[in-house]
Amino acid sequence: MTFFNDLLRTWPIFFQAALVTVQLTAVALAMGTAIGLVFALLKISKNKLLIGIANGYITVIRGTPLIVQIFWIYYGLASVVDVGGFWAAILALAVHNGAYIAEIFRGGIESIDRGQMEAARSLGMPYGLAMRRIILPQAFRRIVPPLGNQFIIGLKDSSLAAFVTIEELFNISMRMASATFRDIQYYTIAGLYYLALVVIFSFLVNKLEQRLAAGSSGMVKGVGL
């Protein structure tokens, strides 16, 4: 009964912390998606310098732990400008996820038949316009599942923001556990909130996949008619 009493008694605090977790994750992943798209385009370019920059960024970020990157940005930027723990965590999560999302975008773009780009260019369409209107919409349909998985990983990784004093779910559970010595109860409660968020997010991603699949089928039928 103690566990359920703790669950009911502390729900306003954990609910508020869950909102902070969602806010932190949403902003970081939106920024990470933009970063990932930029570096994916750099990596598939024909300029060796741009390819080298993209490869360097992806190698360094993927080769170092997220918690180290959070501390780099939190303490490194603090010596130049006061960004605060919240924005330092967002920036670190965005940069970290951007490296993985860049590879997801690159794989999706390169899976599209090169003939489509050549056909668009032969019709006089500039490279950027062809990429935006022809290649990226098709690539996006293919990258939704791996992108959804990366977003779920990003949601769980946001728990590391607790170490720069962000009052998200894991931070609150640590504080309550240390104050009451009921570690298992409060870490279990935090785990339940993370699980609920992941289930909700997975449901939304599945709905998006179904909608895109239905739209793609409609396009195929339209072409056939």
C-alpha atoms as a PDB file:
ATOM      1  CA  MET A   1       0.000   0.000   0.000  1.00  0.00           C
ATOM      2  CA  THR A   2       2.936   2.349   0.641  1.00  0.00           C
ATOM      3  CA  PHE A   3       3.819   2.378  -3.053  1.00  0.00           C
ATOM      4  CA  PHE A   4       0.309   3.313  -4.156  1.00  0.00           C
ATOM      5  CA  ASN A   5       0.069   5.925  -1.413  1.00  0.00           C
ATOM      6  CA  ASP A   6       3.324   7.478  -2.674  1.00  0.00           C
ATOM      7  CA  LEU A   7       2.068   7.270  -6.257  1.00  0.00           C
ATOM      8  CA  LEU A   8      -1.168   9.109  -5.402  1.00  0.00           C
ATOM      9  CA  ARG A   9       0.399  11.584  -2.996  1.00  0.00           C
ATOM     10  CA  THR A  10       3.187  12.703  -5.304  1.00  0.00           C
ATOM     11  CA  TRP A  11       1.367  12.721  -8.662  1.00  0.00           C
ATOM     12  CA  PRO A  12       1.198  16.550  -8.964  1.00  0.00           C
ATOM     13  CA  ILE A  13       4.981  16.810  -8.507  1.00  0.00           C
ATOM     14  CA  PHE A  14       5.742  13.977 -10.925  1.00  0.00           C
ATOM     15  CA  PHE A  15       3.173  15.256 -13.433  1.00  0.00           C
ATOM     16  CA  GLN A  16       4.867  18.666 -13.437  1.00  0.00           C
ATOM     17  CA  ALA A  17       8.253  16.957 -13.851  1.00  0.00           C
ATOM     18  CA  ALA A  18       6.816  14.906 -16.747  1.00  0.00           C
ATOM     19  CA  LEU A  19       5.757  18.143 -18.451  1.00  0.00           C
ATOM     20  CA  VAL A  20       9.322  19.443 -18.094  1.00  0.00           C
ATOM     21  CA  THR A  21      10.610  16.157 -19.578  1.00  0.00           C
ATOM     22  CA  VAL A  22       8.238  16.460 -22.555  1.00  0.00           C
ATOM     23  CA  GLN A  23       9.139  20.113 -23.111  1.00  0.00           C
ATOM     24  CA  LEU A  24      12.863  19.371 -22.888  1.00  0.00           C
ATOM     25  CA  THR A  25      12.590  16.424 -25.271  1.00  0.00           C
ATOM     26  CA  ALA A  26      10.319  18.142 -27.817  1.00  0.00           C
ATOM     27  CA  VAL A  27      12.509  21.237 -28.198  1.00  0.00           C
ATOM     28  CA  ALA A  28      15.751  19.216 -28.266  1.00  0.00           C
ATOM     29  CA  LEU A  29      14.465  16.765 -30.878  1.00  0.00           C
ATOM     30  CA  ALA A  30      13.035  19.529 -33.082  1.00  0.00           C
ATOM     31  CA  MET A  31      16.447  21.206 -33.051  1.00  0.00           C
ATOM     32  CA  GLY A  32      18.172  17.837 -33.487  1.00  0.00           C
ATOM     33  CA  THR A  33      16.041  17.061 -36.547  1.00  0.00           C
ATOM     34  CA  ALA A  34      17.034  20.371 -38.162  1.00  0.00           C
ATOM     35  CA  ILE A  35      20.715  19.733 -37.325  1.00  0.00           C
ATOM     36  CA  GLY A  36      20.467  16.179 -38.643  1.00  0.00           C
ATOM     37  CA  LEU A  37      18.944  17.296 -41.950  1.00  0.00           C
ATOM     38  CA  VAL A  38      21.649  19.919 -42.482  1.00  0.00           C
ATOM     39  CA  PHE A  39      24.505  17.480 -41.827  1.00  0.00           C
ATOM     40  CA  ALA A  40      22.846  14.769 -43.949  1.00  0.00           C
ATOM     41  CA  LEU A  41      22.757  17.201 -46.888  1.00  0.00           C
ATOM     42  CA  LEU A  42      26.402  18.092 -46.245  1.00  0.00           C
ATOM     43  CA  LYS A  43      27.374  14.431 -46.211  1.00  0.00           C
ATOM     44  CA  ILE A  44      25.680  13.628 -49.552  1.00  0.00           C
ATOM     45  CA  SER A  45      27.133  16.727 -51.226  1.00  0.00           C
ATOM     46  CA  LYS A  46      30.007  16.497 -53.720  1.00  0.00           C
ATOM     47  CA  ASN A  47      32.192  18.952 -51.786  1.00  0.00           C
ATOM     48  CA  LYS A  48      34.942  17.069 -49.917  1.00  0.00           C
ATOM     49  CA  LEU A  49      35.300  19.811 -47.279  1.00  0.00           C
ATOM     50  CA  LEU A  50      31.586  19.681 -46.424  1.00  0.00           C
ATOM     51  CA  ILE A  51      31.664  15.887 -46.367  1.00  0.00           C
ATOM     52  CA  GLY A  52      34.664  16.024 -44.019  1.00  0.00           C
ATOM     53  CA  ILE A  53      32.874  18.460 -41.680  1.00  0.00           C
ATOM     54  CA  ALA A  54      29.805  16.206 -41.569  1.00  0.00           C
ATOM     55  CA  ASN A  55      31.882  13.072 -40.975  1.00  0.00           C
ATOM     56  CA  GLY A  56      33.877  14.802 -38.228  1.00  0.00           C
ATOM     57  CA  TYR A  57      30.744  15.965 -36.407  1.00  0.00           C
ATOM     58  CA  ILE A  58      29.043  12.576 -36.621  1.00  0.00           C
ATOM     59  CA  THR A  59      32.167  10.675 -35.557  1.00  0.00           C
ATOM     60  CA  VAL A  60      32.910  12.888 -32.540  1.00  0.00           C
ATOM     61  CA  ILE A  61      29.331  13.042 -31.276  1.00  0.00           C
ATOM     62  CA  ARG A  62      28.580   9.358 -31.766  1.00  0.00           C
ATOM     63  CA  GLY A  63      31.933   8.396 -30.261  1.00  0.00           C
ATOM     64  CA  THR A  64      31.498  10.234 -26.956  1.00  0.00           C
ATOM     65  CA  PRO A  65      28.943   9.710 -24.150  1.00  0.00           C
ATOM     66  CA  LEU A  66      25.946  12.039 -23.936  1.00  0.00           C
ATOM     67  CA  ILE A  67      26.642  12.853 -20.290  1.00  0.00           C
ATOM     68  CA  VAL A  68      30.120  14.092 -21.260  1.00  0.00           C
ATOM     69  CA  GLN A  69      28.605  16.274 -23.987  1.00  0.00           C
ATOM     70  CA  ILE A  70      26.101  17.717 -21.503  1.00  0.00           C
ATOM     71  CA  PHE A  71      28.935  18.641 -19.125  1.00  0.00           C
ATOM     72  CA  TRP A  72      31.023  20.039 -22.024  1.00  0.00           C
ATOM     73  CA  ILE A  73      28.236  22.401 -23.016  1.00  0.00           C
ATOM     74  CA  TYR A  74      27.025  23.179 -19.474  1.00  0.00           C
ATOM     75  CA  TYR A  75      30.445  24.037 -18.045  1.00  0.00           C
ATOM     76  CA  GLY A  76      32.096  25.076 -21.324  1.00  0.00           C
ATOM     77  CA  LEU A  77      29.439  27.580 -22.352  1.00  0.00           C
ATOM     78  CA  ALA A  78      29.119  28.811 -18.758  1.00  0.00           C
ATOM     79  CA  SER A  79      32.627  30.262 -19.070  1.00  0.00           C
ATOM     80  CA  VAL A  80      31.516  32.303 -22.115  1.00  0.00           C
ATOM     81  CA  VAL A  81      27.805  32.960 -21.716  1.00  0.00           C
ATOM     82  CA  ASP A  82      25.241  32.021 -19.048  1.00  0.00           C
ATOM     83  CA  VAL A  83      22.801  29.749 -20.893  1.00  0.00           C
ATOM     84  CA  GLY A  84      21.425  28.028 -17.779  1.00  0.00           C
ATOM     85  CA  GLY A  85      21.022  24.306 -17.198  1.00  0.00           C
ATOM     86  CA  PHE A  86      17.775  23.957 -19.158  1.00  0.00           C
ATOM     87  CA  TRP A  87      19.102  25.357 -22.427  1.00  0.00           C
ATOM     88  CA  ALA A  88      22.484  23.679 -21.969  1.00  0.00           C
ATOM     89  CA  ALA A  89      20.682  20.327 -21.676  1.00  0.00           C
ATOM     90  CA  ILE A  90      18.518  21.106 -24.724  1.00  0.00           C
ATOM     91  CA  LEU A  91      21.545  22.074 -26.803  1.00  0.00           C
ATOM     92  CA  ALA A  92      23.472  18.959 -25.757  1.00  0.00           C
ATOM     93  CA  LEU A  93      20.516  16.679 -26.515  1.00  0.00           C
ATOM     94  CA  ALA A  94      19.937  18.416 -29.867  1.00  0.00           C
ATOM     95  CA  VAL A  95      23.584  18.089 -30.923  1.00  0.00           C
ATOM     96  CA  HIS A  96      23.729  14.468 -29.732  1.00  0.00           C
ATOM     97  CA  ASN A  97      20.523  13.366 -31.466  1.00  0.00           C
ATOM     98  CA  GLY A  98      21.392  15.404 -34.562  1.00  0.00           C
ATOM     99  CA  ALA A  99      24.355  13.098 -35.288  1.00  0.00           C
ATOM    100  CA  TYR A 100      22.148  10.007 -35.295  1.00  0.00           C
ATOM    101  CA  ILE A 101      19.308  11.718 -37.176  1.00  0.00           C
ATOM    102  CA  ALA A 102      21.809  12.863 -39.841  1.00  0.00           C
ATOM    103  CA  GLU A 103      22.592   9.236 -40.641  1.00  0.00           C
ATOM    104  CA  ILE A 104      18.874   8.387 -40.690  1.00  0.00           C
ATOM    105  CA  PHE A 105      18.199  11.218 -43.166  1.00  0.00           C
ATOM    106  CA  ARG A 106      21.224  10.237 -45.274  1.00  0.00           C
ATOM    107  CA  GLY A 107      20.049   6.639 -45.505  1.00  0.00           C
ATOM    108  CA  GLY A 108      16.528   7.741 -46.437  1.00  0.00           C
ATOM    109  CA  ILE A 109      17.693  10.173 -49.122  1.00  0.00           C
ATOM    110  CA  GLU A 110      20.138   7.701 -50.649  1.00  0.00           C
ATOM    111  CA  SER A 111      17.411   5.038 -50.787  1.00  0.00           C
ATOM    112  CA  ILE A 112      15.521   7.132 -53.357  1.00  0.00           C
ATOM    113  CA  ASP A 113      16.320   6.210 -56.962  1.00  0.00           C
ATOM    114  CA  ARG A 114      18.921   8.642 -58.354  1.00  0.00           C
ATOM    115  CA  GLY A 115      16.976   8.715 -61.597  1.00  0.00           C
ATOM    116  CA  GLN A 116      14.324  10.867 -59.919  1.00  0.00           C
ATOM    117  CA  MET A 117      16.821  13.612 -59.153  1.00  0.00           C
ATOM    118  CA  GLU A 118      18.277  13.379 -62.657  1.00  0.00           C
ATOM    119  CA  ALA A 119      14.788  13.584 -64.175  1.00  0.00           C
ATOM    120  CA  ALA A 120      13.927  16.635 -62.068  1.00  0.00           C
ATOM    121  CA  ARG A 121      17.202  18.368 -63.014  1.00  0.00           C
ATOM    122  CA  SER A 122      16.661  17.550 -66.695  1.00  0.00           C
ATOM    123  CA  LEU A 123      13.319  19.371 -66.480  1.00  0.00           C
ATOM    124  CA  GLY A 124      15.182  22.484 -65.327  1.00  0.00           C
ATOM    125  CA  MET A 125      14.414  22.170 -61.619  1.00  0.00           C
ATOM    126  CA  PRO A 126      17.208  23.552 -59.363  1.00  0.00           C
ATOM    127  CA  TYR A 127      18.894  21.058 -56.998  1.00  0.00           C
ATOM    128  CA  GLY A 128      17.396  22.583 -53.856  1.00  0.00           C
ATOM    129  CA  LEU A 129      13.871  22.640 -55.252  1.00  0.00           C
ATOM    130  CA  ALA A 130      14.166  19.059 -56.533  1.00  0.00           C
ATOM    131  CA  MET A 131      15.419  17.941 -53.141  1.00  0.00           C
ATOM    132  CA  ARG A 132      12.590  19.738 -51.322  1.00  0.00           C
ATOM    133  CA  ARG A 133       9.712  18.725 -53.572  1.00  0.00           C
ATOM    134  CA  ILE A 134      10.775  15.364 -55.020  1.00  0.00           C
ATOM    135  CA  ILE A 135      13.359  13.607 -52.855  1.00  0.00           C
ATOM    136  CA  LEU A 136      12.702  14.667 -49.252  1.00  0.00           C
ATOM    137  CA  PRO A 137       8.938  13.906 -49.190  1.00  0.00           C
ATOM    138  CA  GLN A 138       9.622  10.341 -50.363  1.00  0.00           C
ATOM    139  CA  ALA A 139      12.603   9.919 -48.042  1.00  0.00           C
ATOM    140  CA  PHE A 140      10.556  11.163 -45.083  1.00  0.00           C
ATOM    141  CA  ARG A 141       8.044   8.332 -45.510  1.00  0.00           C
ATOM    142  CA  ARG A 142      10.878   5.807 -45.299  1.00  0.00           C
ATOM    143  CA  ILE A 143      12.636   7.333 -42.281  1.00  0.00           C
ATOM    144  CA  VAL A 144       9.595   7.710 -40.020  1.00  0.00           C
ATOM    145  CA  PRO A 145      10.127   4.322 -38.238  1.00  0.00           C
ATOM    146  CA  PRO A 146      13.860   4.822 -37.452  1.00  0.00           C
ATOM    147  CA  LEU A 147      13.206   8.492 -36.688  1.00  0.00           C
ATOM    148  CA  GLY A 148      10.480   7.458 -34.236  1.00  0.00           C
ATOM    149  CA  ASN A 149      12.886   5.040 -32.546  1.00  0.00           C
ATOM    150  CA  GLN A 150      15.499   7.790 -32.243  1.00  0.00           C
ATOM    151  CA  PHE A 151      12.895  10.119 -30.701  1.00  0.00           C
ATOM    152  CA  ILE A 152      12.044   7.467 -28.091  1.00  0.00           C
ATOM    153  CA  ILE A 153      15.753   7.056 -27.293  1.00  0.00           C
ATOM    154  CA  GLY A 154      16.003  10.859 -27.026  1.00  0.00           C
ATOM    155  CA  LEU A 155      13.068  10.917 -24.597  1.00  0.00           C
ATOM    156  CA  LYS A 156      14.769   8.409 -22.292  1.00  0.00           C
ATOM    157  CA  ASP A 157      18.172  10.100 -22.698  1.00  0.00           C
ATOM    158  CA  SER A 158      16.621  13.337 -21.400  1.00  0.00           C
ATOM    159  CA  SER A 159      16.894  11.796 -17.904  1.00  0.00           C
ATOM    160  CA  LEU A 160      20.610  12.740 -17.993  1.00  0.00           C
ATOM    161  CA  ALA A 161      19.540  16.393 -17.772  1.00  0.00           C
ATOM    162  CA  ALA A 162      18.987  15.655 -14.078  1.00  0.00           C
ATOM    163  CA  PHE A 163      22.747  16.006 -13.585  1.00  0.00           C
ATOM    164  CA  VAL A 164      22.626  19.697 -14.525  1.00  0.00           C
ATOM    165  CA  THR A 165      19.811  20.342 -12.015  1.00  0.00           C
ATOM    166  CA  ILE A 166      16.860  20.242 -14.426  1.00  0.00           C
ATOM    167  CA  GLU A 167      13.755  19.275 -12.439  1.00  0.00           C
ATOM    168  CA  GLU A 168      12.582  16.574 -14.802  1.00  0.00           C
ATOM    169  CA  LEU A 169      11.348  13.097 -13.877  1.00  0.00           C
ATOM    170  CA  PHE A 170      14.636  11.477 -12.915  1.00  0.00           C
ATOM    171  CA  ASN A 171      15.817  14.483 -10.921  1.00  0.00           C
ATOM    172  CA  ILE A 172      12.576  14.519  -8.898  1.00  0.00           C
ATOM    173  CA  SER A 173      12.768  10.772  -8.239  1.00  0.00           C
ATOM    174  CA  MET A 174      16.393  11.094  -7.040  1.00  0.00           C
ATOM    175  CA  ARG A 175      15.479  13.932  -4.670  1.00  0.00           C
ATOM    176  CA  MET A 176      12.495  12.095  -3.209  1.00  0.00           C
ATOM    177  CA  ALA A 177      14.435   8.844  -2.869  1.00  0.00           C
ATOM    178  CA  SER A 178      17.299  10.547  -1.035  1.00  0.00           C
ATOM    179  CA  ALA A 179      14.895  12.403   1.276  1.00  0.00           C
ATOM    180  CA  THR A 180      12.796   9.363   2.238  1.00  0.00           C
ATOM    181  CA  PHE A 181      15.205   6.438   1.619  1.00  0.00           C
ATOM    182  CA  ARG A 182      12.406   4.737  -0.344  1.00  0.00           C
ATOM    183  CA  ASP A 183      14.540   4.395  -3.465  1.00  0.00           C
ATOM    184  CA  ILE A 184      12.670   1.556  -5.149  1.00  0.00           C
ATOM    185  CA  GLN A 185       9.266   3.246  -4.809  1.00  0.00           C
ATOM    186  CA  TYR A 186      10.283   6.558  -6.345  1.00  0.00           C
ATOM    187  CA  TYR A 187      12.476   5.142  -9.110  1.00  0.00           C
ATOM    188  CA  THR A 188       9.593   2.796  -9.980  1.00  0.00           C
ATOM    189  CA  ILE A 189       7.191   5.746 -10.111  1.00  0.00           C
ATOM    190  CA  ALA A 190       9.582   7.609 -12.417  1.00  0.00           C
ATOM    191  CA  GLY A 191       9.860   4.486 -14.570  1.00  0.00           C
ATOM    192  CA  LEU A 192       6.069   4.288 -14.876  1.00  0.00           C
ATOM    193  CA  TYR A 193       5.886   7.895 -16.059  1.00  0.00           C
ATOM    194  CA  TYR A 194       8.636   7.285 -18.661  1.00  0.00           C
ATOM    195  CA  LEU A 195       6.825   4.137 -19.796  1.00  0.00           C
ATOM    196  CA  ALA A 196       3.539   6.044 -20.183  1.00  0.00           C
ATOM    197  CA  LEU A 197       5.265   8.756 -22.257  1.00  0.00           C
ATOM    198  CA  VAL A 198       6.954   6.171 -24.505  1.00  0.00           C
ATOM    199  CA  VAL A 199       3.649   4.310 -25.041  1.00  0.00           C
ATOM    200  CA  ILE A 200       1.861   7.546 -25.973  1.00  0.00           C
ATOM    201  CA  PHE A 201       4.668   8.591 -28.307  1.00  0.00           C
ATOM    202  CA  SER A 202       4.847   5.151 -29.952  1.00  0.00           C
ATOM    203  CA  PHE A 203       1.076   5.310 -30.560  1.00  0.00           C
ATOM    204  CA  LEU A 204       1.422   8.697 -32.267  1.00  0.00           C
ATOM    205  CA  VAL A 205       4.327   7.485 -34.438  1.00  0.00           C
ATOM    206  CA  ASN A 206       2.335   4.398 -35.488  1.00  0.00           C
ATOM    207  CA  LYS A 207      -0.617   6.622 -36.438  1.00  0.00           C
ATOM    208  CA  LEU A 208       1.705   8.828 -38.497  1.00  0.00           C
ATOM    209  CA  GLU A 209       3.157   5.764 -40.252  1.00  0.00           C
ATOM    210  CA  GLN A 210      -0.350   4.512 -41.095  1.00  0.00           C
ATOM    211  CA  ARG A 211      -1.382   7.912 -42.425  1.00  0.00           C
ATOM    212  CA  LEU A 212       1.732   8.198 -44.592  1.00  0.00           C
ATOM    213  CA  ALA A 213       1.245   4.633 -45.859  1.00  0.00           C
ATOM    214  CA  ALA A 214      -2.386   5.422 -46.749  1.00  0.00           C
ATOM    215  CA  GLY A 215      -1.301   8.607 -48.524  1.00  0.00           C
ATOM    216  CA  SER A 216       1.351   6.694 -50.441  1.00  0.00           C
ATOM    217  CA  SER A 217      -1.199   4.064 -51.534  1.00  0.00           C
ATOM    218  CA  GLY A 218      -3.518   6.821 -52.689  1.00  0.00           C
ATOM    219  CA  MET A 219      -0.724   8.320 -54.782  1.00  0.00           C
ATOM    220  CA  VAL A 220      -0.026   4.937 -56.358  1.00  0.00           C
ATOM    221  CA  LYS A 221      -3.708   4.450 -57.176  1.00  0.00           C
ATOM    222  CA  GLY A 222      -3.886   7.935 -58.592  1.00  0.00           C
ATOM    223  CA  VAL A 223      -0.938   7.247 -60.853  1.00  0.00           C
ATOM    224  CA  GLY A 224      -2.550   3.993 -62.006  1.00  0.00           C
ATOM    225  CA  LEU A 225      -5.794   5.721 -62.927  1.00  0.00           C
END
